[in-house]
Amino acid sequence: MRENVPEDSRPASGNPLPPRLFNASRYLGDYEAFFEARENNAVYAFLGLTAPPGSKEAEALAKQQA
């Protein structure tokens, strides 16, 4: 985990504390970023996944594209 957290997301001193979210070795963010994605109905995008049809996120994306 320590090697894959970007420099700008590391604390000024010490090691980055969990929870840190990754998809394989790609850093996605911390709990605050995940919480923000959840509040914005963008969890699938945050995780790098395609939103399933009928989900709130898929409906929001369809409205944006219309």
PDB file of N, CA and C in Angstrom:
ATOM      1  N   MET A   1       0.821  -1.171   0.000  1.00  0.00           N
ATOM      2  CA  MET A   1       0.000   0.000   0.000  1.00  0.00           C
ATOM      3  C   MET A   1       0.877   1.252   0.000  1.00  0.00           C
ATOM      4  N   ARG A   2       1.910   1.257   0.805  1.00  0.00           N
ATOM      5  CA  ARG A   2       2.747   2.458   0.927  1.00  0.00           C
ATOM      6  C   ARG A   2       3.356   2.880  -0.401  1.00  0.00           C
ATOM      7  N   GLU A   3       3.757   1.920  -1.210  1.00  0.00           N
ATOM      8  CA  GLU A   3       4.396   2.243  -2.476  1.00  0.00           C
ATOM      9  C   GLU A   3       3.413   2.782  -3.503  1.00  0.00           C
ATOM     10  N   ASN A   4       2.136   2.398  -3.417  1.00  0.00           N
ATOM     11  CA  ASN A   4       1.164   2.760  -4.444  1.00  0.00           C
ATOM     12  C   ASN A   4       0.370   4.027  -4.147  1.00  0.00           C
ATOM     13  N   VAL A   5       0.495   4.589  -2.953  1.00  0.00           N
ATOM     14  CA  VAL A   5      -0.200   5.834  -2.638  1.00  0.00           C
ATOM     15  C   VAL A   5       0.601   6.983  -3.254  1.00  0.00           C
ATOM     16  N   PRO A   6      -0.043   7.836  -4.074  1.00  0.00           N
ATOM     17  CA  PRO A   6       0.677   8.953  -4.697  1.00  0.00           C
ATOM     18  C   PRO A   6       1.253   9.921  -3.662  1.00  0.00           C
ATOM     19  N   GLU A   7       2.307  10.605  -4.044  1.00  0.00           N
ATOM     20  CA  GLU A   7       2.988  11.539  -3.138  1.00  0.00           C
ATOM     21  C   GLU A   7       2.031  12.595  -2.587  1.00  0.00           C
ATOM     22  N   ASP A   8       1.140  13.127  -3.434  1.00  0.00           N
ATOM     23  CA  ASP A   8       0.250  14.195  -2.982  1.00  0.00           C
ATOM     24  C   ASP A   8      -0.833  13.706  -2.021  1.00  0.00           C
ATOM     25  N   SER A   9      -0.994  12.397  -1.874  1.00  0.00           N
ATOM     26  CA  SER A   9      -1.988  11.834  -0.962  1.00  0.00           C
ATOM     27  C   SER A   9      -1.366  11.287   0.320  1.00  0.00           C
ATOM     28  N   ARG A  10      -0.058  11.426   0.441  1.00  0.00           N
ATOM     29  CA  ARG A  10       0.630  10.934   1.639  1.00  0.00           C
ATOM     30  C   ARG A  10       0.626  12.001   2.728  1.00  0.00           C
ATOM     31  N   PRO A  11       0.599  11.573   3.988  1.00  0.00           N
ATOM     32  CA  PRO A  11       0.684  12.559   5.068  1.00  0.00           C
ATOM     33  C   PRO A  11       2.072  13.209   5.107  1.00  0.00           C
ATOM     34  N   ALA A  12       2.141  14.382   5.731  1.00  0.00           N
ATOM     35  CA  ALA A  12       3.411  15.106   5.808  1.00  0.00           C
ATOM     36  C   ALA A  12       4.482  14.290   6.531  1.00  0.00           C
ATOM     37  N   SER A  13       4.065  13.532   7.539  1.00  0.00           N
ATOM     38  CA  SER A  13       5.021  12.677   8.252  1.00  0.00           C
ATOM     39  C   SER A  13       4.376  11.335   8.533  1.00  0.00           C
ATOM     40  N   GLY A  14       5.159  10.305   8.550  1.00  0.00           N
ATOM     41  CA  GLY A  14       4.656   8.957   8.817  1.00  0.00           C
ATOM     42  C   GLY A  14       4.127   8.282   7.567  1.00  0.00           C
ATOM     43  N   ASN A  15       3.447   7.174   7.791  1.00  0.00           N
ATOM     44  CA  ASN A  15       2.899   6.376   6.698  1.00  0.00           C
ATOM     45  C   ASN A  15       1.432   6.727   6.468  1.00  0.00           C
ATOM     46  N   PRO A  16       0.932   6.530   5.225  1.00  0.00           N
ATOM     47  CA  PRO A  16      -0.488   6.738   4.977  1.00  0.00           C
ATOM     48  C   PRO A  16      -1.304   5.723   5.777  1.00  0.00           C
ATOM     49  N   LEU A  17      -2.359   6.197   6.374  1.00  0.00           N
ATOM     50  CA  LEU A  17      -3.186   5.324   7.200  1.00  0.00           C
ATOM     51  C   LEU A  17      -4.350   4.766   6.401  1.00  0.00           C
ATOM     52  N   PRO A  18      -4.730   3.521   6.668  1.00  0.00           N
ATOM     53  CA  PRO A  18      -5.904   2.950   6.020  1.00  0.00           C
ATOM     54  C   PRO A  18      -7.161   3.628   6.542  1.00  0.00           C
ATOM     55  N   PRO A  19      -8.268   3.582   5.906  1.00  0.00           N
ATOM     56  CA  PRO A  19      -8.487   2.832   4.663  1.00  0.00           C
ATOM     57  C   PRO A  19      -8.070   3.620   3.435  1.00  0.00           C
ATOM     58  N   ARG A  20      -7.375   2.962   2.540  1.00  0.00           N
ATOM     59  CA  ARG A  20      -7.001   3.465   1.216  1.00  0.00           C
ATOM     60  C   ARG A  20      -7.550   2.457   0.228  1.00  0.00           C
ATOM     61  N   LEU A  21      -8.178   2.926  -0.820  1.00  0.00           N
ATOM     62  CA  LEU A  21      -8.826   2.037  -1.774  1.00  0.00           C
ATOM     63  C   LEU A  21      -8.007   1.937  -3.046  1.00  0.00           C
ATOM     64  N   PHE A  22      -7.866   0.702  -3.533  1.00  0.00           N
ATOM     65  CA  PHE A  22      -7.109   0.400  -4.733  1.00  0.00           C
ATOM     66  C   PHE A  22      -7.933  -0.520  -5.626  1.00  0.00           C
ATOM     67  N   ASN A  23      -7.694  -0.443  -6.931  1.00  0.00           N
ATOM     68  CA  ASN A  23      -8.200  -1.408  -7.897  1.00  0.00           C
ATOM     69  C   ASN A  23      -6.947  -1.994  -8.516  1.00  0.00           C
ATOM     70  N   ALA A  24      -6.612  -3.209  -8.106  1.00  0.00           N
ATOM     71  CA  ALA A  24      -5.305  -3.826  -8.396  1.00  0.00           C
ATOM     72  C   ALA A  24      -4.254  -2.926  -7.752  1.00  0.00           C
ATOM     73  N   SER A  25      -3.332  -2.356  -8.510  1.00  0.00           N
ATOM     74  CA  SER A  25      -2.329  -1.479  -7.901  1.00  0.00           C
ATOM     75  C   SER A  25      -2.641  -0.006  -8.149  1.00  0.00           C
ATOM     76  N   ARG A  26      -3.778   0.287  -8.799  1.00  0.00           N
ATOM     77  CA  ARG A  26      -4.166   1.678  -9.086  1.00  0.00           C
ATOM     78  C   ARG A  26      -4.840   2.290  -7.869  1.00  0.00           C
ATOM     79  N   TYR A  27      -4.314   3.396  -7.393  1.00  0.00           N
ATOM     80  CA  TYR A  27      -4.844   4.086  -6.216  1.00  0.00           C
ATOM     81  C   TYR A  27      -6.131   4.808  -6.591  1.00  0.00           C
ATOM     82  N   LEU A  28      -7.201   4.568  -5.837  1.00  0.00           N
ATOM     83  CA  LEU A  28      -8.485   5.206  -6.090  1.00  0.00           C
ATOM     84  C   LEU A  28      -8.734   6.380  -5.166  1.00  0.00           C
ATOM     85  N   GLY A  29      -8.340   6.256  -3.924  1.00  0.00           N
ATOM     86  CA  GLY A  29      -8.549   7.341  -2.975  1.00  0.00           C
ATOM     87  C   GLY A  29      -8.675   6.818  -1.564  1.00  0.00           C
ATOM     88  N   ASP A  30      -9.016   7.727  -0.669  1.00  0.00           N
ATOM     89  CA  ASP A  30      -9.191   7.363   0.733  1.00  0.00           C
ATOM     90  C   ASP A  30     -10.687   7.299   1.061  1.00  0.00           C
ATOM     91  N   TYR A  31     -10.992   7.158   2.339  1.00  0.00           N
ATOM     92  CA  TYR A  31     -12.374   7.043   2.754  1.00  0.00           C
ATOM     93  C   TYR A  31     -13.172   8.289   2.399  1.00  0.00           C
ATOM     94  N   GLU A  32     -12.566   9.461   2.549  1.00  0.00           N
ATOM     95  CA  GLU A  32     -13.278  10.708   2.245  1.00  0.00           C
ATOM     96  C   GLU A  32     -13.680  10.762   0.769  1.00  0.00           C
ATOM     97  N   ALA A  33     -12.787  10.347  -0.118  1.00  0.00           N
ATOM     98  CA  ALA A  33     -13.093  10.336  -1.551  1.00  0.00           C
ATOM     99  C   ALA A  33     -14.192   9.322  -1.854  1.00  0.00           C
ATOM    100  N   PHE A  34     -14.153   8.165  -1.201  1.00  0.00           N
ATOM    101  CA  PHE A  34     -15.192   7.162  -1.407  1.00  0.00           C
ATOM    102  C   PHE A  34     -16.533   7.677  -0.892  1.00  0.00           C
ATOM    103  N   PHE A  35     -16.529   8.309   0.275  1.00  0.00           N
ATOM    104  CA  PHE A  35     -17.762   8.840   0.844  1.00  0.00           C
ATOM    105  C   PHE A  35     -18.368   9.900  -0.085  1.00  0.00           C
ATOM    106  N   GLU A  36     -17.531  10.757  -0.633  1.00  0.00           N
ATOM    107  CA  GLU A  36     -18.005  11.781  -1.568  1.00  0.00           C
ATOM    108  C   GLU A  36     -18.612  11.139  -2.817  1.00  0.00           C
ATOM    109  N   ALA A  37     -17.978  10.092  -3.333  1.00  0.00           N
ATOM    110  CA  ALA A  37     -18.519   9.373  -4.496  1.00  0.00           C
ATOM    111  C   ALA A  37     -19.863   8.740  -4.155  1.00  0.00           C
ATOM    112  N   ARG A  38     -19.982   8.205  -2.960  1.00  0.00           N
ATOM    113  CA  ARG A  38     -21.248   7.603  -2.540  1.00  0.00           C
ATOM    114  C   ARG A  38     -22.346   8.651  -2.446  1.00  0.00           C
ATOM    115  N   GLU A  39     -22.026   9.806  -1.898  1.00  0.00           N
ATOM    116  CA  GLU A  39     -23.002  10.886  -1.779  1.00  0.00           C
ATOM    117  C   GLU A  39     -23.445  11.401  -3.143  1.00  0.00           C
ATOM    118  N   ASN A  40     -22.570  11.318  -4.140  1.00  0.00           N
ATOM    119  CA  ASN A  40     -22.870  11.802  -5.489  1.00  0.00           C
ATOM    120  C   ASN A  40     -23.362  10.691  -6.418  1.00  0.00           C
ATOM    121  N   ASN A  41     -23.673   9.524  -5.862  1.00  0.00           N
ATOM    122  CA  ASN A  41     -24.100   8.360  -6.657  1.00  0.00           C
ATOM    123  C   ASN A  41     -23.104   8.060  -7.775  1.00  0.00           C
ATOM    124  N   ALA A  42     -21.820   8.045  -7.430  1.00  0.00           N
ATOM    125  CA  ALA A  42     -20.768   7.782  -8.412  1.00  0.00           C
ATOM    126  C   ALA A  42     -19.795   6.707  -7.921  1.00  0.00           C
ATOM    127  N   VAL A  43     -20.301   5.746  -7.163  1.00  0.00           N
ATOM    128  CA  VAL A  43     -19.429   4.715  -6.594  1.00  0.00           C
ATOM    129  C   VAL A  43     -18.809   3.845  -7.687  1.00  0.00           C
ATOM    130  N   TYR A  44     -19.597   3.458  -8.673  1.00  0.00           N
ATOM    131  CA  TYR A  44     -19.059   2.599  -9.731  1.00  0.00           C
ATOM    132  C   TYR A  44     -17.951   3.320 -10.498  1.00  0.00           C
ATOM    133  N   ALA A  45     -18.157   4.587 -10.822  1.00  0.00           N
ATOM    134  CA  ALA A  45     -17.114   5.358 -11.508  1.00  0.00           C
ATOM    135  C   ALA A  45     -15.883   5.485 -10.629  1.00  0.00           C
ATOM    136  N   PHE A  46     -16.069   5.731  -9.339  1.00  0.00           N
ATOM    137  CA  PHE A  46     -14.951   5.831  -8.404  1.00  0.00           C
ATOM    138  C   PHE A  46     -14.135   4.545  -8.399  1.00  0.00           C
ATOM    139  N   LEU A  47     -14.818   3.417  -8.432  1.00  0.00           N
ATOM    140  CA  LEU A  47     -14.143   2.123  -8.409  1.00  0.00           C
ATOM    141  C   LEU A  47     -13.616   1.692  -9.775  1.00  0.00           C
ATOM    142  N   GLY A  48     -13.918   2.465 -10.819  1.00  0.00           N
ATOM    143  CA  GLY A  48     -13.458   2.127 -12.159  1.00  0.00           C
ATOM    144  C   GLY A  48     -14.296   1.051 -12.812  1.00  0.00           C
ATOM    145  N   LEU A  49     -15.560   0.958 -12.414  1.00  0.00           N
ATOM    146  CA  LEU A  49     -16.471  -0.054 -12.938  1.00  0.00           C
ATOM    147  C   LEU A  49     -17.582   0.597 -13.747  1.00  0.00           C
ATOM    148  N   THR A  50     -18.240  -0.176 -14.590  1.00  0.00           N
ATOM    149  CA  THR A  50     -19.403   0.295 -15.330  1.00  0.00           C
ATOM    150  C   THR A  50     -20.639   0.113 -14.471  1.00  0.00           C
ATOM    151  N   ALA A  51     -21.425   1.167 -14.353  1.00  0.00           N
ATOM    152  CA  ALA A  51     -22.649   1.102 -13.548  1.00  0.00           C
ATOM    153  C   ALA A  51     -23.652   0.168 -14.223  1.00  0.00           C
ATOM    154  N   PRO A  52     -24.280  -0.730 -13.461  1.00  0.00           N
ATOM    155  CA  PRO A  52     -25.261  -1.640 -14.051  1.00  0.00           C
ATOM    156  C   PRO A  52     -26.526  -0.883 -14.464  1.00  0.00           C
ATOM    157  N   PRO A  53     -27.201  -1.359 -15.507  1.00  0.00           N
ATOM    158  CA  PRO A  53     -28.443  -0.711 -15.925  1.00  0.00           C
ATOM    159  C   PRO A  53     -29.451  -0.684 -14.769  1.00  0.00           C
ATOM    160  N   GLY A  54     -30.143   0.437 -14.649  1.00  0.00           N
ATOM    161  CA  GLY A  54     -31.149   0.572 -13.606  1.00  0.00           C
ATOM    162  C   GLY A  54     -30.620   1.148 -12.304  1.00  0.00           C
ATOM    163  N   SER A  55     -29.305   1.293 -12.174  1.00  0.00           N
ATOM    164  CA  SER A  55     -28.749   1.871 -10.950  1.00  0.00           C
ATOM    165  C   SER A  55     -28.902   3.394 -10.999  1.00  0.00           C
ATOM    166  N   LYS A  56     -28.848   4.026  -9.844  1.00  0.00           N
ATOM    167  CA  LYS A  56     -28.959   5.488  -9.789  1.00  0.00           C
ATOM    168  C   LYS A  56     -27.842   6.142 -10.586  1.00  0.00           C
ATOM    169  N   GLU A  57     -26.677   5.550 -10.520  1.00  0.00           N
ATOM    170  CA  GLU A  57     -25.537   6.108 -11.242  1.00  0.00           C
ATOM    171  C   GLU A  57     -25.738   6.027 -12.749  1.00  0.00           C
ATOM    172  N   ALA A  58     -26.238   4.908 -13.244  1.00  0.00           N
ATOM    173  CA  ALA A  58     -26.494   4.746 -14.671  1.00  0.00           C
ATOM    174  C   ALA A  58     -27.577   5.720 -15.136  1.00  0.00           C
ATOM    175  N   GLU A  59     -28.603   5.921 -14.314  1.00  0.00           N
ATOM    176  CA  GLU A  59     -29.662   6.862 -14.649  1.00  0.00           C
ATOM    177  C   GLU A  59     -29.128   8.287 -14.689  1.00  0.00           C
ATOM    178  N   ALA A  60     -28.261   8.649 -13.759  1.00  0.00           N
ATOM    179  CA  ALA A  60     -27.665   9.987 -13.732  1.00  0.00           C
ATOM    180  C   ALA A  60     -26.790  10.204 -14.957  1.00  0.00           C
ATOM    181  N   LEU A  61     -26.020   9.189 -15.358  1.00  0.00           N
ATOM    182  CA  LEU A  61     -25.189   9.299 -16.552  1.00  0.00           C
ATOM    183  C   LEU A  61     -26.035   9.462 -17.798  1.00  0.00           C
ATOM    184  N   ALA A  62     -27.160   8.749 -17.883  1.00  0.00           N
ATOM    185  CA  ALA A  62     -28.055   8.855 -19.034  1.00  0.00           C
ATOM    186  C   ALA A  62     -28.649  10.257 -19.123  1.00  0.00           C
ATOM    187  N   LYS A  63     -28.990  10.850 -17.974  1.00  0.00           N
ATOM    188  CA  LYS A  63     -29.536  12.212 -17.980  1.00  0.00           C
ATOM    189  C   LYS A  63     -28.487  13.219 -18.440  1.00  0.00           C
ATOM    190  N   GLN A  64     -27.229  13.019 -18.034  1.00  0.00           N
ATOM    191  CA  GLN A  64     -26.159  13.929 -18.423  1.00  0.00           C
ATOM    192  C   GLN A  64     -25.898  13.866 -19.921  1.00  0.00           C
ATOM    193  N   GLN A  65     -26.034  12.677 -20.504  1.00  0.00           N
ATOM    194  CA  GLN A  65     -25.739  12.491 -21.919  1.00  0.00           C
ATOM    195  C   GLN A  65     -26.905  12.930 -22.808  1.00  0.00           C
ATOM    196  N   ALA A  66     -28.087  13.088 -22.227  1.00  0.00           N
ATOM    197  CA  ALA A  66     -29.281  13.473 -23.023  1.00  0.00           C
ATOM    198  C   ALA A  66     -29.334  14.950 -23.280  1.00  0.00           C
TER     199      ALA A  66
END
